[in-house]
Amino acid sequence: MHEAVEHPADHRPELDSLTDHESLARPDGVPVVGTSTVHGSITLVAGTLVLAGDVGTDLCLAFRATAPTLDGVQCLDARQVTFLGSPGVGLLAQVAHDRGAGVPLWGSRAALRPLRLTGLDRLFDVRPA
């Protein structure tokens, strides 16, 4: 017989598929902190915040829940982003706010378009992808 499992009121089933990578390290010992879903990932590796795939609400919420502060981010790599939702734009804006304008950013068209539409691209030193 199966017992009913009750979830807390704030449980979000769509986040059950997330995998945290808090304690991983590269072979050279550089720590890797981040979160991934089937559709995208956000990782912080040696001062580079790497975004890939679908950077939407669920992924950003999970990253913010598991990630340390973003003050160690030195540059942004969004070359593999296929979708950047408003939570992803907010995450990038927070990095620019914490670090100041001019953070180097390499981005795909999908990553740069919402930044350009909102005028937030001026906060970054956008580099050719």
Foldseek 3Di string as FASTA:
>chain_A
DDDDDDDPPPDDVVLPQKDWQQQDADPVRFGKGWIAHPFWIWIATQQETETAGAADDSRLVVGVVGDDDNLSHQAYEAAHYPAQDPSNVVVVVVNLVNPPAAREYEHHCRVVVVCVVVVVCRRYPYDYD
